[in-house]
Protein backbone atom coordinates (compact mmCIF):
# COMPACT_ATOMS: atom_id res chain seq x y z
CA MET A 1 70.13 132.49 127.75
CA CYS A 2 69.47 129.79 125.24
CA GLY A 3 67.58 126.70 124.31
CA ILE A 4 69.70 123.58 124.10
CA ALA A 5 69.08 120.11 122.65
CA GLY A 6 71.06 117.01 121.90
CA LEU A 7 71.11 113.37 120.83
CA LEU A 8 73.52 110.64 121.88
CA ASP A 9 73.90 107.19 120.32
CA LEU A 10 74.19 104.76 123.23
CA ASP A 11 74.85 101.53 121.40
CA GLY A 12 76.54 102.45 118.12
CA GLN A 13 73.39 101.56 116.20
CA HIS A 14 71.49 104.88 116.39
CA PRO A 15 73.71 107.72 115.12
CA PRO A 16 72.08 111.15 115.54
CA GLN A 17 70.53 112.52 112.37
CA ARG A 18 70.94 116.16 111.37
CA GLU A 19 67.26 116.47 110.44
CA ALA A 20 66.12 115.17 113.84
CA LEU A 21 68.49 117.51 115.66
CA ALA A 22 67.37 120.45 113.53
CA ARG A 23 63.71 119.71 114.37
CA MET A 24 64.53 119.68 118.08
CA SER A 25 66.36 122.97 117.74
CA ALA A 26 63.58 124.60 115.72
CA GLY A 27 61.17 123.91 118.58
CA LEU A 28 63.31 126.11 120.83
CA THR A 29 63.57 129.20 118.60
CA HIS A 30 61.60 131.37 121.04
CA ARG A 31 64.24 130.70 123.69
CA GLY A 32 67.05 131.96 121.48
CA PRO A 33 66.12 133.82 118.28
CA ASP A 34 69.45 135.66 117.84
CA ASP A 35 71.76 132.85 116.76
CA ASP A 36 71.80 129.09 116.29
CA GLY A 37 74.43 126.43 116.04
CA LEU A 38 74.77 122.70 115.57
CA TYR A 39 77.59 120.25 116.22
CA LEU A 40 77.19 116.74 114.84
CA VAL A 41 79.97 114.17 115.03
CA PRO A 42 78.62 110.72 115.92
CA PRO A 43 77.88 109.53 118.48
CA ILE A 44 76.87 113.04 119.64
CA GLY A 45 74.79 115.86 118.25
CA LEU A 46 74.40 119.20 120.04
CA ALA A 47 72.21 122.17 119.11
CA THR A 48 71.81 125.64 120.57
CA LYS A 49 69.36 128.49 120.02
CA ARG A 50 70.98 131.60 121.48
CA LEU A 51 69.58 134.72 123.08
CA SER A 52 72.65 136.97 122.83
CA ILE A 53 73.25 138.85 126.09
CA VAL A 54 76.94 138.52 127.03
CA ASP A 55 79.60 138.76 124.31
CA VAL A 56 76.84 139.32 121.79
CA ASP A 57 79.01 138.91 118.70
CA GLY A 58 81.50 136.31 119.95
CA GLY A 59 79.46 133.88 122.03
CA HIS A 60 78.35 131.44 119.33
CA MET A 61 77.43 127.95 120.54
CA PRO A 62 77.98 125.05 120.67
CA LEU A 63 81.54 126.03 121.52
CA SER A 64 84.66 123.94 122.07
CA ASN A 65 88.05 123.97 123.70
CA GLU A 66 91.22 124.52 121.68
CA ASP A 67 91.61 120.99 120.32
CA GLY A 68 87.91 120.31 119.76
CA SER A 69 87.77 117.47 122.26
CA LEU A 70 85.15 119.23 124.43
CA TRP A 71 81.89 120.69 123.12
CA LEU A 72 79.33 122.67 125.12
CA SER A 73 75.70 123.74 124.77
CA HIS A 74 74.77 126.05 127.63
CA ASN A 75 71.58 127.74 128.79
CA GLY A 76 71.75 130.42 131.48
CA GLU A 77 74.39 132.55 133.15
CA VAL A 78 77.45 131.80 135.27
CA TYR A 79 77.67 134.93 137.39
CA ASN A 80 81.09 134.20 138.87
CA ALA A 81 82.60 133.65 135.42
CA PRO A 82 85.01 136.65 135.74
CA THR A 83 86.48 135.24 138.97
CA LEU A 84 86.73 131.71 137.54
CA ARG A 85 88.27 133.08 134.34
CA ASP A 86 91.06 134.77 136.31
CA GLU A 87 91.70 131.59 138.29
CA LEU A 88 91.77 129.44 135.17
CA CYS A 89 94.09 131.84 133.38
CA GLY A 90 96.43 131.39 136.33
CA TYR A 91 96.46 127.68 135.54
CA GLY A 92 97.44 128.45 131.93
CA HIS A 93 94.06 128.26 130.18
CA THR A 94 93.51 130.52 127.16
CA PHE A 95 90.14 132.08 126.35
CA ARG A 96 88.85 133.02 122.91
CA THR A 97 85.56 134.69 123.93
CA ARG A 98 84.35 137.15 126.58
CA GLY A 99 81.31 135.06 127.42
CA ASP A 100 80.61 133.07 130.57
CA SER A 101 79.96 129.82 128.70
CA GLU A 102 83.60 129.23 127.79
CA VAL A 103 84.43 129.25 131.50
CA ILE A 104 82.50 125.98 131.86
CA VAL A 105 84.65 124.29 129.20
CA HIS A 106 87.94 125.26 130.81
CA ALA A 107 86.63 124.58 134.31
CA TYR A 108 85.85 121.03 133.19
CA GLU A 109 89.35 120.70 131.74
CA GLN A 110 90.77 121.75 135.10
CA TRP A 111 88.46 120.05 137.61
CA GLY A 112 86.41 117.50 135.66
CA GLU A 113 82.79 117.01 136.69
CA ASP A 114 83.53 118.69 140.04
CA CYS A 115 83.61 121.97 138.15
CA VAL A 116 79.82 122.16 138.44
CA ALA A 117 79.99 122.84 142.19
CA ARG A 118 82.18 125.89 141.50
CA LEU A 119 79.60 127.59 139.29
CA ARG A 120 77.45 130.36 140.76
CA GLY A 121 74.36 131.25 138.79
CA MET A 122 71.46 129.75 136.89
CA PHE A 123 72.28 127.19 134.24
CA ALA A 124 71.54 123.97 132.44
CA PHE A 125 74.21 122.63 130.13
CA ALA A 126 75.43 119.66 128.15
CA LEU A 127 79.17 119.05 127.74
CA TRP A 128 80.54 116.34 125.47
CA ASP A 129 83.97 114.90 126.28
CA ALA A 130 85.01 113.22 123.05
CA LYS A 131 88.16 111.61 124.46
CA ARG A 132 86.22 109.80 127.16
CA GLU A 133 83.00 109.54 125.12
CA ARG A 134 81.21 111.02 128.09
CA LEU A 135 78.21 113.36 128.22
CA LEU A 136 77.83 115.60 131.26
CA LEU A 137 74.45 117.21 131.94
CA ALA A 138 74.01 119.64 134.85
CA ARG A 139 71.29 121.86 136.27
CA ASP A 140 71.55 124.79 138.68
CA ARG A 141 70.86 124.45 142.39
CA PHE A 142 67.28 125.74 142.45
CA GLY A 143 66.12 124.54 139.04
CA VAL A 144 65.86 128.03 137.55
CA LYS A 145 66.78 126.58 134.18
CA PRO A 146 65.04 123.42 132.91
CA LEU A 147 66.60 120.29 131.43
CA TYR A 148 64.63 117.25 130.25
CA TYR A 149 65.80 113.88 129.00
CA ALA A 150 64.45 110.62 127.59
CA GLN A 151 65.77 107.33 126.29
CA ARG A 152 64.33 104.98 123.72
CA ASP A 153 66.12 101.98 122.29
CA GLY A 154 69.68 103.19 121.76
CA THR A 155 68.94 106.92 121.59
CA PHE A 156 69.37 109.34 124.49
CA ALA A 157 67.74 112.75 123.95
CA PHE A 158 67.72 115.94 126.01
CA ALA A 159 66.47 119.51 125.61
CA SER A 160 65.34 122.64 127.40
CA GLU A 161 61.70 121.75 126.81
CA MET A 162 59.67 118.55 126.74
CA LEU A 163 58.33 118.49 123.19
CA PRO A 164 61.76 118.58 121.51
CA THR A 165 62.87 115.86 123.92
CA LEU A 166 59.94 113.67 122.91
CA SER A 167 60.70 114.31 119.26
CA GLY A 168 64.39 113.50 119.61
CA ALA A 169 63.75 110.26 121.48
CA GLY A 170 61.05 109.22 119.04
CA LEU A 171 58.51 108.76 121.85
CA ALA A 172 54.78 108.87 121.26
CA ARG A 173 52.99 111.65 123.14
CA ALA A 174 51.10 110.24 126.11
CA ALA A 175 50.02 111.49 129.52
CA ASP A 176 51.44 110.07 132.73
CA PRO A 177 48.29 109.39 134.82
CA SER A 178 50.15 109.51 138.14
CA ALA A 179 51.59 112.90 137.19
CA LEU A 180 48.09 114.26 136.64
CA SER A 181 47.13 113.03 140.11
CA GLU A 182 50.16 114.83 141.55
CA LEU A 183 49.25 117.98 139.65
CA PHE A 184 45.71 118.00 141.03
CA THR A 185 47.02 117.34 144.55
CA TYR A 186 49.86 119.84 144.86
CA GLY A 187 49.57 122.10 141.82
CA TYR A 188 52.73 120.89 140.09
CA VAL A 189 54.55 117.77 138.95
CA ALA A 190 57.81 117.36 140.84
CA ALA A 191 61.06 116.40 139.13
CA PRO A 192 62.16 113.93 138.00
CA HIS A 193 58.62 113.20 136.80
CA THR A 194 56.77 115.18 134.13
CA VAL A 195 53.25 115.18 132.77
CA PHE A 196 54.47 113.30 129.67
CA ALA A 197 55.06 109.56 129.95
CA GLY A 198 58.70 108.73 129.31
CA ILE A 199 60.10 112.23 129.84
CA ARG A 200 62.17 113.02 132.92
CA SER A 201 63.43 116.28 134.37
CA LEU A 202 66.94 116.43 135.80
CA LEU A 203 66.70 117.29 139.48
CA PRO A 204 68.02 120.71 140.55
CA ALA A 205 71.53 120.67 142.03
CA HIS A 206 72.24 117.39 140.23
CA LEU A 207 74.48 116.31 137.40
CA MET A 208 74.17 113.33 135.08
CA LEU A 209 76.97 111.38 133.45
CA VAL A 210 76.15 109.30 130.38
CA GLU A 211 79.10 107.09 129.63
CA HIS A 212 79.47 103.68 127.91
CA GLY A 213 75.70 103.37 127.65
CA GLN A 214 75.14 103.95 131.37
CA CYS A 215 73.49 106.95 133.07
CA LYS A 216 74.53 108.02 136.55
CA ILE A 217 72.90 110.90 138.45
CA ARG A 218 74.25 112.48 141.64
CA PRO A 219 73.85 115.70 143.61
CA TYR A 220 76.69 118.21 143.55
CA TRP A 221 75.22 120.50 146.25
CA GLN A 222 72.83 120.13 149.17
CA LEU A 223 70.98 122.77 151.15
CA GLN A 224 71.59 122.13 154.83
CA PHE A 225 69.98 123.63 157.92
CA PRO A 226 71.46 123.18 161.43
CA ALA A 227 69.54 121.32 164.11
CA GLN A 228 67.59 123.32 166.68
CA GLY A 229 69.94 125.01 169.10
CA GLU A 230 72.87 124.85 166.68
CA GLN A 231 72.03 127.94 164.63
CA ALA A 232 74.62 130.70 164.24
CA ARG A 233 75.25 132.83 167.31
CA ILE A 234 74.98 136.26 165.77
CA THR A 235 73.21 139.49 166.60
CA HIS A 236 70.21 140.50 164.54
CA ALA A 237 72.06 143.66 163.47
CA ASP A 238 75.07 141.70 162.21
CA ALA A 239 72.85 139.15 160.47
CA GLN A 240 70.88 141.95 158.83
CA GLN A 241 74.05 143.60 157.51
CA GLN A 242 75.58 140.36 156.22
CA PHE A 243 72.31 139.39 154.58
CA TYR A 244 72.02 142.75 152.83
CA ASP A 245 75.65 142.64 151.70
CA LEU A 246 75.15 139.19 150.18
CA LEU A 247 71.95 140.28 148.46
CA ARG A 248 73.68 143.37 147.10
CA LYS A 249 76.49 141.21 145.74
CA SER A 250 73.96 138.87 144.12
CA VAL A 251 72.24 141.82 142.42
CA ARG A 252 75.58 143.20 141.26
CA MET A 253 76.56 139.82 139.78
CA SER A 254 73.17 139.67 138.06
CA LEU A 255 74.03 142.84 136.14
CA MET A 256 76.52 140.94 133.95
CA SER A 257 75.17 141.89 130.52
CA ASP A 258 76.01 143.64 127.27
CA VAL A 259 72.34 144.61 126.78
CA PRO A 260 70.06 146.84 128.92
CA ILE A 261 68.45 145.42 132.05
CA ALA A 262 65.01 146.22 133.51
CA ALA A 263 63.01 144.82 136.44
CA LEU A 264 59.57 143.78 137.56
CA LEU A 265 58.19 145.97 140.35
CA SER A 266 54.99 144.77 142.02
CA GLY A 267 55.05 147.22 144.92
CA GLY A 268 55.81 144.42 147.36
CA LEU A 269 58.84 144.22 149.61
CA ASP A 270 60.84 141.72 147.55
CA SER A 271 60.78 143.42 144.15
CA SER A 272 61.08 146.91 145.68
CA ALA A 273 64.23 145.90 147.57
CA LEU A 274 65.74 144.52 144.35
CA VAL A 275 64.94 147.64 142.37
CA ALA A 276 66.41 149.83 145.12
CA LEU A 277 69.66 147.89 144.86
CA LEU A 278 69.52 147.93 141.08
CA GLN A 279 69.18 151.72 141.13
CA ASP A 280 72.14 152.02 143.52
CA LEU A 281 74.33 149.85 141.29
CA SER A 282 73.30 151.30 137.94
CA SER A 283 73.61 154.60 136.16
CA GLY A 284 70.45 156.25 134.90
CA ARG A 285 66.82 155.38 135.57
CA THR A 286 65.78 151.76 135.68
CA ALA A 287 62.80 150.68 133.61
CA THR A 288 60.26 148.77 135.70
CA PHE A 289 57.07 146.89 134.87
CA SER A 290 54.03 145.89 136.90
CA ILE A 291 50.53 144.60 136.26
CA GLY A 292 47.34 145.80 137.88
CA PHE A 293 43.96 144.08 138.01
CA GLU A 294 40.46 145.35 137.39
CA ALA A 295 39.46 143.09 140.29
CA ASP A 296 40.21 145.19 143.39
CA SER A 297 40.85 142.04 145.44
CA HIS A 298 43.93 141.30 143.33
CA ASP A 299 45.20 144.78 142.52
CA GLU A 300 48.30 146.28 144.11
CA SER A 301 49.25 148.64 141.29
CA HIS A 302 49.00 151.68 143.57
CA PHE A 303 51.82 150.25 145.68
CA ALA A 304 53.87 149.64 142.53
CA ARG A 305 53.40 153.29 141.55
CA LEU A 306 54.38 154.40 145.06
CA ALA A 307 57.57 152.32 144.91
CA ALA A 308 58.36 153.57 141.39
CA GLN A 309 57.94 157.19 142.47
CA HIS A 310 60.14 156.71 145.52
CA LEU A 311 62.85 154.90 143.53
CA HIS A 312 62.56 157.22 140.49
CA THR A 313 62.12 154.45 137.93
CA ASP A 314 60.71 154.66 134.43
CA HIS A 315 57.58 152.68 135.23
CA GLN A 316 55.04 150.98 133.01
CA THR A 317 51.79 149.51 134.36
CA LEU A 318 49.74 146.90 132.54
CA SER A 319 46.13 146.08 133.31
CA PHE A 320 44.59 142.61 133.61
CA ALA A 321 40.88 142.11 132.89
CA LEU A 322 38.74 139.00 132.57
CA ARG A 323 39.13 139.17 128.80
CA ASP A 324 42.85 138.48 129.24
CA PHE A 325 42.08 134.89 130.16
CA ALA A 326 41.92 134.51 126.38
CA HIS A 327 45.71 134.00 126.56
CA TRP A 328 45.18 130.71 128.39
CA PRO A 329 45.53 128.34 125.38
CA GLU A 330 48.80 129.97 124.30
CA VAL A 331 50.06 129.95 127.89
CA ILE A 332 49.43 126.21 128.18
CA ARG A 333 51.19 125.69 124.84
CA ARG A 334 54.25 127.43 126.27
CA MET A 335 54.01 125.72 129.68
CA GLU A 336 53.68 122.25 128.07
CA SER A 337 51.73 121.24 131.17
CA PRO A 338 48.31 121.82 132.77
CA GLN A 339 47.98 124.03 135.87
CA THR A 340 45.66 124.49 138.82
CA SER A 341 46.28 128.24 139.05
CA ALA A 342 46.25 131.09 136.56
CA THR A 343 49.26 133.15 137.68
CA SER A 344 51.06 132.25 134.46
CA ILE A 345 48.74 134.51 132.45
CA PRO A 346 49.69 137.87 134.04
CA ILE A 347 53.33 136.72 134.09
CA TYR A 348 53.06 135.96 130.37
CA MET A 349 51.68 139.46 129.80
CA LEU A 350 54.42 141.11 131.85
CA TYR A 351 57.24 139.51 129.89
CA ARG A 352 55.51 140.27 126.61
CA ALA A 353 55.52 143.94 127.61
CA CYS A 354 59.21 143.72 128.53
CA HIS A 355 60.01 142.22 125.13
CA GLU A 356 57.94 144.81 123.28
CA SER A 357 59.84 147.55 125.15
CA GLY A 358 63.13 146.14 123.87
CA TYR A 359 64.42 144.33 126.97
CA LYS A 360 66.07 140.91 126.95
CA VAL A 361 67.05 140.79 130.64
CA ILE A 362 64.71 141.30 133.59
CA LEU A 363 65.42 141.12 137.32
CA THR A 364 62.58 139.61 139.34
CA GLY A 365 61.91 138.86 143.01
CA GLU A 366 61.11 135.14 143.05
CA GLY A 367 62.75 133.21 145.89
CA ALA A 368 62.49 135.71 148.74
CA ASP A 369 59.41 134.08 150.28
CA GLU A 370 61.04 130.66 150.17
CA LEU A 371 64.25 132.08 151.61
CA LEU A 372 62.73 133.97 154.54
CA GLY A 373 59.35 132.35 155.22
CA GLY A 374 57.12 134.87 153.47
CA TYR A 375 54.12 132.72 152.54
CA HIS A 376 51.05 132.60 154.75
CA TRP A 377 51.46 128.89 155.52
CA PHE A 378 54.74 129.50 157.33
CA ALA A 379 53.08 131.75 159.92
CA GLY A 380 49.87 129.71 159.78
CA ASP A 381 51.67 126.53 160.72
CA ARG A 382 53.20 128.18 163.76
CA ARG A 383 49.71 129.11 165.00
CA VAL A 384 48.16 125.73 164.23
CA ARG A 385 51.08 123.76 165.65
CA ALA A 386 50.25 124.91 169.16
CA LEU A 387 46.92 123.06 168.88
CA LEU A 388 48.17 119.77 167.43
CA SER A 389 48.66 118.27 170.89
CA LEU A 390 44.88 118.34 171.41
CA PRO A 391 42.93 115.12 170.74
CA GLN A 392 42.23 114.67 167.04
CA PRO A 393 38.41 114.45 167.42
CA LEU A 394 38.42 117.81 169.20
CA ARG A 395 40.62 119.34 166.52
CA ALA A 396 38.30 118.00 163.84
CA GLN A 397 35.37 119.73 165.56
CA MET A 398 37.32 123.00 165.84
CA ALA A 399 38.23 122.81 162.15
CA ARG A 400 34.55 123.02 161.24
CA LEU A 401 34.42 126.59 162.56
CA PRO A 402 34.71 129.28 159.85
CA LEU A 403 38.08 130.51 161.12
CA GLY A 404 41.27 131.02 159.15
CA SER A 405 42.07 129.52 155.77
CA SER A 406 40.73 126.23 154.45
CA ALA A 407 44.31 124.92 154.40
CA GLY A 408 44.78 125.86 158.05
CA ARG A 409 41.57 124.09 159.02
CA ARG A 410 42.70 121.02 157.07
CA VAL A 411 46.01 120.95 158.97
CA LEU A 412 44.22 121.48 162.28
CA ALA A 413 41.91 118.53 161.61
CA HIS A 414 44.44 116.09 160.14
CA GLY A 415 47.90 117.40 160.99
CA SER A 416 50.51 115.75 163.17
CA GLN A 417 53.77 116.66 164.85
CA ASP A 418 55.58 115.40 161.73
CA ASP A 419 56.68 118.59 159.99
CA ALA A 420 56.86 117.04 156.51
CA GLU A 421 53.33 115.66 156.83
CA SER A 422 52.04 119.06 157.95
CA TYR A 423 53.78 120.78 155.05
CA ALA A 424 52.17 118.32 152.63
CA LEU A 425 48.74 119.18 154.04
CA TRP A 426 49.41 122.91 153.67
CA SER A 427 50.52 122.28 150.08
CA GLU A 428 47.37 120.57 148.84
CA VAL A 429 45.42 122.64 146.32
CA THR A 430 42.35 120.39 146.19
CA THR A 431 40.67 118.04 148.65
CA ALA A 432 40.82 114.25 148.53
CA SER A 433 37.03 114.13 148.11
CA GLU A 434 37.24 116.44 145.07
CA ARG A 435 39.94 114.31 143.50
CA LEU A 436 37.99 111.17 144.24
CA ALA A 437 34.88 112.65 142.63
CA LEU A 438 36.87 113.42 139.49
CA LYS A 439 38.01 109.77 139.42
CA LEU A 440 41.70 110.65 139.22
CA PRO A 441 43.97 107.57 139.29
CA SER A 442 45.08 108.32 142.87
CA ALA A 443 43.04 110.56 145.13
CA ASN A 444 45.78 110.48 147.80
CA PHE A 445 49.05 111.14 146.02
CA PRO A 446 52.16 110.99 148.28
CA PHE A 447 54.03 114.23 148.82
CA PRO A 448 56.96 114.49 146.34
CA ALA A 449 59.66 114.83 148.99
CA CYS A 450 58.55 111.55 150.58
CA SER A 451 59.59 109.60 147.47
CA ASN A 452 63.02 111.19 147.05
CA PRO A 453 66.16 109.29 148.10
CA PRO A 454 67.26 109.76 151.73
CA ALA A 455 70.08 112.12 150.69
CA ALA A 456 67.45 114.51 149.37
CA ARG A 457 65.45 114.87 152.60
CA PRO A 458 65.68 117.49 155.34
CA GLY A 459 67.88 116.64 158.26
CA SER A 460 66.57 115.48 161.61
CA GLY A 461 66.07 117.73 164.61
CA LEU A 462 65.32 120.84 162.55
CA HIS A 463 63.13 123.68 163.67
CA PRO A 464 59.70 123.32 161.98
CA LEU A 465 60.24 126.53 159.98
CA ASP A 466 63.58 125.27 158.65
CA THR A 467 61.95 121.99 157.62
CA PHE A 468 59.28 123.96 155.77
CA LEU A 469 61.89 126.14 154.06
CA TRP A 470 63.87 123.08 152.99
CA LEU A 471 60.77 121.40 151.58
CA GLU A 472 59.69 124.58 149.81
CA ALA A 473 63.10 124.89 148.16
CA HIS A 474 62.95 121.29 146.92
CA THR A 475 59.35 121.07 145.75
CA ARG A 476 57.17 124.07 144.97
CA LEU A 477 59.98 126.55 144.21
CA PRO A 478 61.68 124.65 141.35
CA ASN A 479 58.68 122.76 140.05
CA PHE A 480 56.07 125.54 140.05
CA ILE A 481 57.54 129.00 140.69
CA ASN A 482 60.75 128.73 138.69
CA ASP A 483 59.22 126.63 135.93
CA GLU A 484 56.44 129.16 135.41
CA VAL A 485 58.80 132.14 135.29
CA ASP A 486 61.20 130.41 132.91
CA ARG A 487 58.43 129.34 130.53
CA MET A 488 56.59 132.69 130.49
CA SER A 489 59.74 134.79 130.11
CA MET A 490 61.29 132.61 127.42
CA ALA A 491 58.00 132.56 125.52
CA HIS A 492 58.95 136.16 124.69
CA SER A 493 62.72 135.67 124.40
CA VAL A 494 63.40 137.34 127.74
CA GLU A 495 65.87 136.15 130.37
CA ALA A 496 64.50 136.40 133.93
CA ARG A 497 67.20 136.70 136.58
CA VAL A 498 66.49 135.89 140.23
CA PRO A 499 69.02 137.42 142.68
CA TYR A 500 67.26 135.95 145.73
CA LEU A 501 68.22 132.48 144.48
CA ASP A 502 71.95 132.92 144.94
CA HIS A 503 73.10 129.80 146.78
CA ARG A 504 75.59 131.72 148.94
CA LEU A 505 72.73 133.86 150.22
CA TRP A 506 70.75 130.70 151.02
CA GLU A 507 73.67 129.02 152.77
CA PHE A 508 74.02 132.04 155.05
CA ALA A 509 70.30 132.40 155.74
CA ALA A 510 70.01 128.69 156.55
CA THR A 511 72.39 129.09 159.50
CA LEU A 512 70.34 131.84 161.17
CA PRO A 513 67.86 131.42 164.02
CA PRO A 514 64.33 130.99 162.63
CA HIS A 515 62.99 134.03 164.48
CA PHE A 516 65.31 136.22 162.39
CA LYS A 517 63.15 135.23 159.39
CA LEU A 518 59.67 134.86 160.88
CA GLY A 519 58.77 136.35 164.23
CA GLY A 520 57.54 139.39 166.05
CA GLY A 521 54.34 139.38 164.04
CA ALA A 522 56.18 139.79 160.72
CA GLU A 523 57.56 137.53 158.02
CA LYS A 524 60.85 138.20 156.21
CA ARG A 525 62.12 140.17 159.22
CA LEU A 526 65.70 140.40 157.91
CA LEU A 527 64.67 141.99 154.64
CA ARG A 528 62.25 144.39 156.32
CA ALA A 529 64.96 145.52 158.72
CA ALA A 530 67.63 145.77 156.02
CA THR A 531 65.47 148.08 153.88
CA LYS A 532 64.60 150.52 156.66
CA GLY A 533 65.35 154.00 155.35
CA ARG A 534 65.70 152.63 151.84
CA LEU A 535 62.00 151.99 151.14
CA PRO A 536 58.84 153.80 152.30
CA ASP A 537 57.31 152.13 155.35
CA ARG A 538 54.08 151.66 153.41
CA ILE A 539 56.06 149.32 151.16
CA ARG A 540 58.51 147.92 153.69
CA LEU A 541 55.97 146.96 156.35
CA ARG A 542 52.97 145.90 154.26
CA ARG A 543 51.86 142.29 154.34
CA LYS A 544 52.48 140.11 151.34
CA GLN A 545 49.71 140.11 148.78
CA GLY A 546 51.30 138.11 146.00
CA LEU A 547 50.55 137.84 142.32
CA ALA A 548 47.43 135.88 141.47
CA ALA A 549 44.94 135.96 138.62
CA PRO A 550 41.22 136.11 139.59
CA HIS A 551 40.30 132.71 138.17
CA ALA A 552 37.53 132.31 140.76
CA LEU A 553 35.80 135.28 139.07
CA PHE A 554 36.47 133.78 135.66
CA TRP A 555 34.50 130.67 136.63
CA ARG A 556 31.60 132.76 137.97
CA GLN A 557 31.00 134.55 134.68
CA PRO A 558 27.48 133.99 133.26
CA GLY A 559 29.06 132.63 130.09
CA LEU A 560 32.52 131.27 129.43
CA PRO A 561 34.57 132.40 126.41
CA PRO A 562 34.42 130.02 123.43
CA PHE A 563 37.77 128.31 124.05
CA ALA A 564 36.73 127.38 127.62
CA ARG A 565 33.15 126.51 126.72
CA ASP A 566 34.34 124.14 124.00
CA ALA A 567 37.00 122.50 126.17
CA MET A 568 34.59 122.00 129.09
CA SER A 569 31.68 120.75 127.00
CA GLU A 570 30.26 117.32 127.77
CA GLY A 571 31.38 116.04 124.39
CA ALA A 572 34.96 117.28 124.81
CA LEU A 573 35.21 115.84 128.32
CA ARG A 574 33.96 112.46 127.15
CA GLU A 575 36.29 112.47 124.16
CA THR A 576 39.30 113.18 126.36
CA GLY A 577 38.17 110.55 128.82
CA LEU A 578 40.04 111.96 131.81
CA PHE A 579 37.15 113.43 133.82
CA ASP A 580 33.54 112.62 134.65
CA ALA A 581 31.52 115.17 132.67
CA GLY A 582 28.64 115.11 135.15
CA VAL A 583 30.91 115.78 138.11
CA VAL A 584 32.57 118.70 136.28
CA ARG A 585 29.14 120.15 135.49
CA ASP A 586 28.12 119.91 139.16
CA LEU A 587 31.37 121.50 140.34
CA LEU A 588 30.91 124.42 137.97
CA CYS A 589 27.31 124.88 139.12
CA GLU A 590 28.30 124.88 142.79
CA HIS A 591 31.07 127.39 142.12
CA ARG A 592 28.88 129.76 140.09
CA GLN A 593 26.23 129.73 142.80
CA GLY A 594 28.83 130.60 145.44
CA ARG A 595 28.22 127.40 147.42
CA ALA A 596 31.88 126.39 147.13
CA ASP A 597 35.18 127.59 145.69
CA HIS A 598 36.23 125.05 143.07
CA ALA A 599 38.41 127.49 141.09
CA ARG A 600 41.62 125.44 141.34
CA LEU A 601 39.85 122.22 140.43
CA LEU A 602 38.01 123.76 137.48
CA THR A 603 41.18 125.47 136.30
CA GLY A 604 42.97 122.12 136.47
CA VAL A 605 40.26 120.47 134.39
CA LEU A 606 40.22 123.24 131.79
CA THR A 607 43.99 123.44 131.38
CA THR A 608 44.25 119.64 131.21
CA GLN A 609 41.64 119.67 128.45
CA LEU A 610 43.55 122.41 126.63
CA TRP A 611 46.84 120.56 127.12
CA HIS A 612 45.32 117.35 125.80
CA ASP A 613 43.93 119.15 122.76
CA ILE A 614 47.23 120.90 122.01
CA PHE A 615 49.63 118.02 122.59
CA LEU A 616 47.79 114.70 122.49
CA ALA A 617 44.77 115.05 120.20
């Protein structure tokens, strides 16, 4: 795991400067404190900050091929590197290191840019082909690893984080108003856009070629679901076994490391299944970490202890209290973006504990809910969908009843038979009236997937669940879930590995009938069935709770901590100029009195104020 950065002169008039490249690299030290390297031969400059995990002593980067015509800066892991290495050796390639990064260099020599599709893992890399004067940038299929880029005049800059990218391109720091509207609508800013004007994020499963002053971006992989009625004809028992075998292989591949590996263990199905496999594939007791909450509504630490006892792990439990919201300013500094939730704070604390216990590599369960329909809106949509044929006025009346979630009532009132439109309604984190009151530039921001090119849309004739899973994999998963985990783990120089995001596992699951994933009154049916006898039923059969910080309670405190009080003051709001101070005051009053739940909106305002103060003031 590393932080990477680079500069490319596009017109022969802007050669990269060592000082500028060094500044970009210095801003990524937390991502790779073990080693650093720099390659500078105009028109290219590459820099790497390395977290040494595989081939600790011999994996220095940037690295080159034998004649120095190819140079690579790489962030992440290529899990099938041993297999590719053997294949490439058969073609006559010679390796000088034991690391996975060198495989990318020789794979490019053998297959050119098509090599990216052969990689299995999580990665973002930059490869310079000096003979062709071509820069290749690539990002893994689910956006586990970030990669940003910008262009100004004749300089092209890229990096693992946004601030070094801004610095390298020489761009002034400014907010993108439409991105803020998107953030307050869906809780994230979807690639290729970012919250900073002028900065773009390379789309997951895409590569970019920068050659002769031109930039070309194309996908190298697409997630495909079969149309209804064309799913695989397979028994549930066979599907369960194949699914478990693929997951086991993904966990085994994730153990590629020369340093110890630990895991997060929440006590939920996903993390418990991973730890069970990790224990089977490892020698000795696995170290596991979880976080409990003083707020009973959010606490599942007793389930984590139950899972740890059953699996015989060396378990450590942290505790989250309201005072821990004091980490918020530092969390926003590391995220480089505002948020409408507070889950990043306990995640930040978890990875800090992992780092303090001496671990650089952590296995974690993100991706299972997106893979198998684990979130409440997947089951909720199936229930609401049966009512969407009723006249809209009647549905609007029914939605006024205090039944179900607010999101479900919103879909009931305004939903349609268009699956993408329904998913967008489920995804909203604030209401249009709230956004309008705050005077955001656009109170009705279009759903991110609607603005992507046709090649990046779900196919026609899909089962509604498959459409939802496709949209989840292309929007919320990379832009919120994976971004948050990457930022919070790398803030503490820890590599988070996500076995559920193996693309071979996803390709198999996509072919299966939807009721194998969600049906019979249970979500993630395949995983529940596959872990029978391997996990206690109290773990295996419990409903998903999910990690969340009690920010609604934070906003109902009699007095806010100084950092929040200052950021939300009338003077600070007016100085920032993004929000109506009177409206914010009224929202806070309504929330404190229990007349409404404005936690997401208030959290968005606070973190935007903090972000503005940290990055733009």
